[in-house]
Amino acid sequence: MEQELTKRKMYIILSVMMVGAFSGSLSQSLLTSALPAIMRDFQISATLGQWLTTVYIMVLGIATSTTAYLINRFSTKKLFIAAMTLFFTGCIISIFAPIFSILIFSRILQAFGAGILMPLIQVTALNSFPPEEHGRAMGLVGFVVAFGPAIGPTLSGIIVDAFGWRSIFYIL
């Protein structure tokens, strides 16, 4: 009975973490369809506007590569909360960004949070399940993380057309 409760608890923890990782991976491509509206609002060129996605991916890579060090220094719970706080703070700042440079800064915060979440969820899945369930756990994690960027441009196009580009960050 206790083992069943522990297994159920691990599925709940992994599910919560997957929601966070999905948000982070969705954020990678969500601004693609919103770039023309953002460029118009901030009166910037396409070259400058593209930095919103470029800086996100660049910082995501940096944060991802430092996560192994962070996992060894902090508990999974603290690291998850810190990553989600960074991501959430970046979203809030994005909603109210009055100038483009603040929007870039908010995307950097989001990317740091997302960059920590993605490897953290993989390590958590591997540590939480027995070896015979690793394939299923990693498959589920991989599906969730890969699904976000796949639907991002289409979803953002619908959202931006209906509610404006700032509404993307409400959803995240």
C-alpha atoms as a PDB file:
ATOM      1  CA  MET A   1       0.000   0.000   0.000  1.00  0.00           C
ATOM      2  CA  GLU A   2       2.790   2.426   0.955  1.00  0.00           C
ATOM      3  CA  GLN A   3       4.726   1.601  -2.226  1.00  0.00           C
ATOM      4  CA  GLU A   4       1.584   2.293  -4.289  1.00  0.00           C
ATOM      5  CA  LEU A   5       1.156   5.662  -2.537  1.00  0.00           C
ATOM      6  CA  THR A   6       4.808   6.536  -3.186  1.00  0.00           C
ATOM      7  CA  LYS A   7       4.458   5.596  -6.863  1.00  0.00           C
ATOM      8  CA  ARG A   8       1.311   7.719  -7.160  1.00  0.00           C
ATOM      9  CA  LYS A   9       3.110  10.628  -5.492  1.00  0.00           C
ATOM     10  CA  MET A  10       5.978  10.326  -7.990  1.00  0.00           C
ATOM     11  CA  TYR A  11       3.531  10.420 -10.917  1.00  0.00           C
ATOM     12  CA  ILE A  12       1.949  13.562  -9.469  1.00  0.00           C
ATOM     13  CA  ILE A  13       5.341  15.221  -8.972  1.00  0.00           C
ATOM     14  CA  LEU A  14       6.443  14.285 -12.488  1.00  0.00           C
ATOM     15  CA  SER A  15       3.131  15.555 -13.917  1.00  0.00           C
ATOM     16  CA  VAL A  16       3.547  18.936 -12.220  1.00  0.00           C
ATOM     17  CA  MET A  17       7.114  19.161 -13.493  1.00  0.00           C
ATOM     18  CA  MET A  18       5.972  18.246 -17.015  1.00  0.00           C
ATOM     19  CA  VAL A  19       3.496  21.131 -17.031  1.00  0.00           C
ATOM     20  CA  GLY A  20       6.366  23.478 -16.211  1.00  0.00           C
ATOM     21  CA  ALA A  21       8.636  21.912 -18.832  1.00  0.00           C
ATOM     22  CA  PHE A  22       5.836  22.088 -21.412  1.00  0.00           C
ATOM     23  CA  SER A  23       5.421  25.810 -20.737  1.00  0.00           C
ATOM     24  CA  GLY A  24       9.148  26.360 -21.140  1.00  0.00           C
ATOM     25  CA  SER A  25       9.355  24.378 -24.362  1.00  0.00           C
ATOM     26  CA  LEU A  26       6.207  26.030 -25.716  1.00  0.00           C
ATOM     27  CA  SER A  27       7.742  29.430 -25.063  1.00  0.00           C
ATOM     28  CA  GLN A  28      10.585  28.626 -27.500  1.00  0.00           C
ATOM     29  CA  SER A  29       8.405  28.984 -30.569  1.00  0.00           C
ATOM     30  CA  LEU A  30       5.375  30.860 -29.285  1.00  0.00           C
ATOM     31  CA  LEU A  31       6.655  34.294 -30.272  1.00  0.00           C
ATOM     32  CA  THR A  32       7.284  33.343 -33.897  1.00  0.00           C
ATOM     33  CA  SER A  33       3.816  34.378 -35.078  1.00  0.00           C
ATOM     34  CA  ALA A  34       3.744  37.339 -32.718  1.00  0.00           C
ATOM     35  CA  LEU A  35       6.934  38.980 -34.061  1.00  0.00           C
ATOM     36  CA  PRO A  36       5.184  41.213 -36.645  1.00  0.00           C
ATOM     37  CA  ALA A  37       2.840  42.614 -33.981  1.00  0.00           C
ATOM     38  CA  ILE A  38       5.706  43.117 -31.509  1.00  0.00           C
ATOM     39  CA  MET A  39       7.814  44.834 -34.183  1.00  0.00           C
ATOM     40  CA  ARG A  40       4.921  47.142 -34.973  1.00  0.00           C
ATOM     41  CA  ASP A  41       4.223  47.986 -31.299  1.00  0.00           C
ATOM     42  CA  PHE A  42       7.846  48.715 -30.450  1.00  0.00           C
ATOM     43  CA  GLN A  43       8.667  50.154 -33.883  1.00  0.00           C
ATOM     44  CA  ILE A  44      11.689  47.916 -34.402  1.00  0.00           C
ATOM     45  CA  SER A  45      13.133  46.085 -37.408  1.00  0.00           C
ATOM     46  CA  ALA A  46      12.803  42.364 -38.079  1.00  0.00           C
ATOM     47  CA  THR A  47      16.508  41.954 -37.307  1.00  0.00           C
ATOM     48  CA  LEU A  48      16.060  43.402 -33.851  1.00  0.00           C
ATOM     49  CA  GLY A  49      12.743  41.615 -33.276  1.00  0.00           C
ATOM     50  CA  GLN A  50      14.314  38.261 -34.051  1.00  0.00           C
ATOM     51  CA  TRP A  51      16.494  38.675 -30.965  1.00  0.00           C
ATOM     52  CA  LEU A  52      13.447  37.698 -28.874  1.00  0.00           C
ATOM     53  CA  THR A  53      13.722  34.133 -30.115  1.00  0.00           C
ATOM     54  CA  THR A  54      17.498  34.084 -30.611  1.00  0.00           C
ATOM     55  CA  VAL A  55      18.316  35.247 -27.085  1.00  0.00           C
ATOM     56  CA  TYR A  56      15.814  32.764 -25.660  1.00  0.00           C
ATOM     57  CA  ILE A  57      17.451  29.803 -27.399  1.00  0.00           C
ATOM     58  CA  MET A  58      20.966  31.035 -26.573  1.00  0.00           C
ATOM     59  CA  VAL A  59      20.229  31.458 -22.853  1.00  0.00           C
ATOM     60  CA  LEU A  60      18.279  28.189 -22.833  1.00  0.00           C
ATOM     61  CA  GLY A  61      21.440  26.405 -23.985  1.00  0.00           C
ATOM     62  CA  ILE A  62      23.581  28.116 -21.361  1.00  0.00           C
ATOM     63  CA  ALA A  63      21.128  27.359 -18.560  1.00  0.00           C
ATOM     64  CA  THR A  64      20.722  23.751 -19.676  1.00  0.00           C
ATOM     65  CA  SER A  65      24.457  23.184 -19.560  1.00  0.00           C
ATOM     66  CA  THR A  66      24.721  24.527 -16.002  1.00  0.00           C
ATOM     67  CA  THR A  67      21.838  22.453 -14.643  1.00  0.00           C
ATOM     68  CA  ALA A  68      24.017  19.448 -13.781  1.00  0.00           C
ATOM     69  CA  TYR A  69      25.996  21.640 -11.401  1.00  0.00           C
ATOM     70  CA  LEU A  70      22.791  23.068  -9.901  1.00  0.00           C
ATOM     71  CA  ILE A  71      21.255  19.612  -9.432  1.00  0.00           C
ATOM     72  CA  ASN A  72      24.273  18.601  -7.350  1.00  0.00           C
ATOM     73  CA  ARG A  73      24.032  21.730  -5.166  1.00  0.00           C
ATOM     74  CA  PHE A  74      20.286  22.110  -4.578  1.00  0.00           C
ATOM     75  CA  SER A  75      17.325  19.851  -3.955  1.00  0.00           C
ATOM     76  CA  THR A  76      14.985  19.076  -6.822  1.00  0.00           C
ATOM     77  CA  LYS A  77      12.147  20.901  -5.093  1.00  0.00           C
ATOM     78  CA  LYS A  78      14.147  24.095  -4.542  1.00  0.00           C
ATOM     79  CA  LEU A  79      15.515  24.019  -8.067  1.00  0.00           C
ATOM     80  CA  PHE A  80      12.073  23.449  -9.582  1.00  0.00           C
ATOM     81  CA  ILE A  81      10.559  26.297  -7.574  1.00  0.00           C
ATOM     82  CA  ALA A  82      13.422  28.626  -8.501  1.00  0.00           C
ATOM     83  CA  ALA A  83      13.149  27.724 -12.194  1.00  0.00           C
ATOM     84  CA  MET A  84       9.379  28.221 -12.229  1.00  0.00           C
ATOM     85  CA  THR A  85       9.772  31.514 -10.358  1.00  0.00           C
ATOM     86  CA  LEU A  86      12.260  32.766 -12.953  1.00  0.00           C
ATOM     87  CA  PHE A  87       9.987  31.675 -15.778  1.00  0.00           C
ATOM     88  CA  PHE A  88       6.861  33.144 -14.171  1.00  0.00           C
ATOM     89  CA  THR A  89       8.636  36.424 -13.354  1.00  0.00           C
ATOM     90  CA  GLY A  90       9.789  36.669 -16.961  1.00  0.00           C
ATOM     91  CA  CYS A  91       6.194  36.182 -18.136  1.00  0.00           C
ATOM     92  CA  ILE A  92       4.878  38.895 -15.806  1.00  0.00           C
ATOM     93  CA  ILE A  93       7.544  41.347 -16.950  1.00  0.00           C
ATOM     94  CA  SER A  94       6.750  40.485 -20.594  1.00  0.00           C
ATOM     95  CA  ILE A  95       3.092  41.341 -20.119  1.00  0.00           C
ATOM     96  CA  PHE A  96       3.896  44.829 -18.899  1.00  0.00           C
ATOM     97  CA  ALA A  97       7.113  45.530 -20.859  1.00  0.00           C
ATOM     98  CA  PRO A  98       6.937  49.193 -21.928  1.00  0.00           C
ATOM     99  CA  ILE A  99      10.073  49.048 -24.117  1.00  0.00           C
ATOM    100  CA  PHE A 100      11.771  46.388 -26.205  1.00  0.00           C
ATOM    101  CA  SER A 101      14.872  46.054 -24.009  1.00  0.00           C
ATOM    102  CA  ILE A 102      12.706  45.094 -21.037  1.00  0.00           C
ATOM    103  CA  LEU A 103      10.959  42.500 -23.193  1.00  0.00           C
ATOM    104  CA  ILE A 104      14.388  41.054 -24.084  1.00  0.00           C
ATOM    105  CA  PHE A 105      15.310  40.967 -20.386  1.00  0.00           C
ATOM    106  CA  SER A 106      12.076  39.138 -19.579  1.00  0.00           C
ATOM    107  CA  ARG A 107      12.817  36.547 -22.269  1.00  0.00           C
ATOM    108  CA  ILE A 108      16.244  35.975 -20.694  1.00  0.00           C
ATOM    109  CA  LEU A 109      14.586  35.256 -17.338  1.00  0.00           C
ATOM    110  CA  GLN A 110      12.116  32.887 -18.992  1.00  0.00           C
ATOM    111  CA  ALA A 111      14.920  31.054 -20.776  1.00  0.00           C
ATOM    112  CA  PHE A 112      16.950  30.579 -17.598  1.00  0.00           C
ATOM    113  CA  GLY A 113      13.919  29.055 -15.905  1.00  0.00           C
ATOM    114  CA  ALA A 114      13.085  26.813 -18.855  1.00  0.00           C
ATOM    115  CA  GLY A 115      16.720  25.809 -19.310  1.00  0.00           C
ATOM    116  CA  ILE A 116      16.816  24.494 -15.762  1.00  0.00           C
ATOM    117  CA  LEU A 117      13.451  22.735 -16.022  1.00  0.00           C
ATOM    118  CA  MET A 118      14.137  20.549 -19.035  1.00  0.00           C
ATOM    119  CA  PRO A 119      17.147  18.598 -17.742  1.00  0.00           C
ATOM    120  CA  LEU A 120      15.729  18.631 -14.208  1.00  0.00           C
ATOM    121  CA  ILE A 121      12.618  16.767 -15.293  1.00  0.00           C
ATOM    122  CA  GLN A 122      14.724  14.163 -17.111  1.00  0.00           C
ATOM    123  CA  VAL A 123      16.918  13.550 -14.082  1.00  0.00           C
ATOM    124  CA  THR A 124      13.857  13.392 -11.841  1.00  0.00           C
ATOM    125  CA  ALA A 125      12.194  10.848 -14.140  1.00  0.00           C
ATOM    126  CA  LEU A 126      15.300   8.653 -14.164  1.00  0.00           C
ATOM    127  CA  ASN A 127      15.746   8.872 -10.392  1.00  0.00           C
ATOM    128  CA  SER A 128      12.076   8.305  -9.595  1.00  0.00           C
ATOM    129  CA  PHE A 129      11.340   5.189 -11.590  1.00  0.00           C
ATOM    130  CA  PRO A 130      12.956   1.760 -11.627  1.00  0.00           C
ATOM    131  CA  PRO A 131      15.210   0.912 -14.597  1.00  0.00           C
ATOM    132  CA  GLU A 132      12.507  -1.162 -16.291  1.00  0.00           C
ATOM    133  CA  GLU A 133      10.283   1.962 -16.462  1.00  0.00           C
ATOM    134  CA  HIS A 134      12.971   4.412 -17.655  1.00  0.00           C
ATOM    135  CA  GLY A 135      11.976   4.058 -21.302  1.00  0.00           C
ATOM    136  CA  ARG A 136       8.339   4.878 -20.627  1.00  0.00           C
ATOM    137  CA  ALA A 137       9.190   7.808 -18.331  1.00  0.00           C
ATOM    138  CA  MET A 138      11.719   9.315 -20.748  1.00  0.00           C
ATOM    139  CA  GLY A 139       9.340   8.788 -23.674  1.00  0.00           C
ATOM    140  CA  LEU A 140       6.635  10.706 -21.856  1.00  0.00           C
ATOM    141  CA  VAL A 141       9.047  13.490 -20.888  1.00  0.00           C
ATOM    142  CA  GLY A 142      10.376  13.668 -24.450  1.00  0.00           C
ATOM    143  CA  PHE A 143       6.868  13.859 -25.873  1.00  0.00           C
ATOM    144  CA  VAL A 144       5.874  16.707 -23.573  1.00  0.00           C
ATOM    145  CA  VAL A 145       9.060  18.706 -24.196  1.00  0.00           C
ATOM    146  CA  ALA A 146       8.931  18.193 -27.987  1.00  0.00           C
ATOM    147  CA  PHE A 147       5.196  18.873 -28.306  1.00  0.00           C
ATOM    148  CA  GLY A 148       5.491  22.500 -27.132  1.00  0.00           C
ATOM    149  CA  PRO A 149       7.667  23.830 -29.968  1.00  0.00           C
ATOM    150  CA  ALA A 150       5.642  21.826 -32.492  1.00  0.00           C
ATOM    151  CA  ILE A 151       2.345  23.562 -31.688  1.00  0.00           C
ATOM    152  CA  GLY A 152       3.791  26.945 -30.683  1.00  0.00           C
ATOM    153  CA  PRO A 153       3.584  28.866 -33.981  1.00  0.00           C
ATOM    154  CA  THR A 154       0.044  27.715 -34.782  1.00  0.00           C
ATOM    155  CA  LEU A 155      -1.200  28.341 -31.262  1.00  0.00           C
ATOM    156  CA  SER A 156       0.413  31.777 -31.089  1.00  0.00           C
ATOM    157  CA  GLY A 157      -1.077  32.758 -34.437  1.00  0.00           C
ATOM    158  CA  ILE A 158      -4.554  32.015 -33.142  1.00  0.00           C
ATOM    159  CA  ILE A 159      -3.920  33.755 -29.815  1.00  0.00           C
ATOM    160  CA  VAL A 160      -2.269  36.855 -31.298  1.00  0.00           C
ATOM    161  CA  ASP A 161      -5.055  37.300 -33.863  1.00  0.00           C
ATOM    162  CA  ALA A 162      -7.737  37.002 -31.194  1.00  0.00           C
ATOM    163  CA  PHE A 163      -6.199  38.733 -28.167  1.00  0.00           C
ATOM    164  CA  GLY A 164      -2.906  40.453 -29.079  1.00  0.00           C
ATOM    165  CA  TRP A 165       0.707  39.428 -28.480  1.00  0.00           C
ATOM    166  CA  ARG A 166       0.785  40.191 -24.743  1.00  0.00           C
ATOM    167  CA  SER A 167      -1.879  37.541 -24.154  1.00  0.00           C
ATOM    168  CA  ILE A 168       0.718  34.866 -24.999  1.00  0.00           C
ATOM    169  CA  PHE A 169       2.422  35.541 -21.678  1.00  0.00           C
ATOM    170  CA  TYR A 170      -0.854  35.264 -19.778  1.00  0.00           C
ATOM    171  CA  ILE A 171      -1.223  31.749 -21.107  1.00  0.00           C
ATOM    172  CA  LEU A 172       2.329  30.796 -20.206  1.00  0.00           C
END
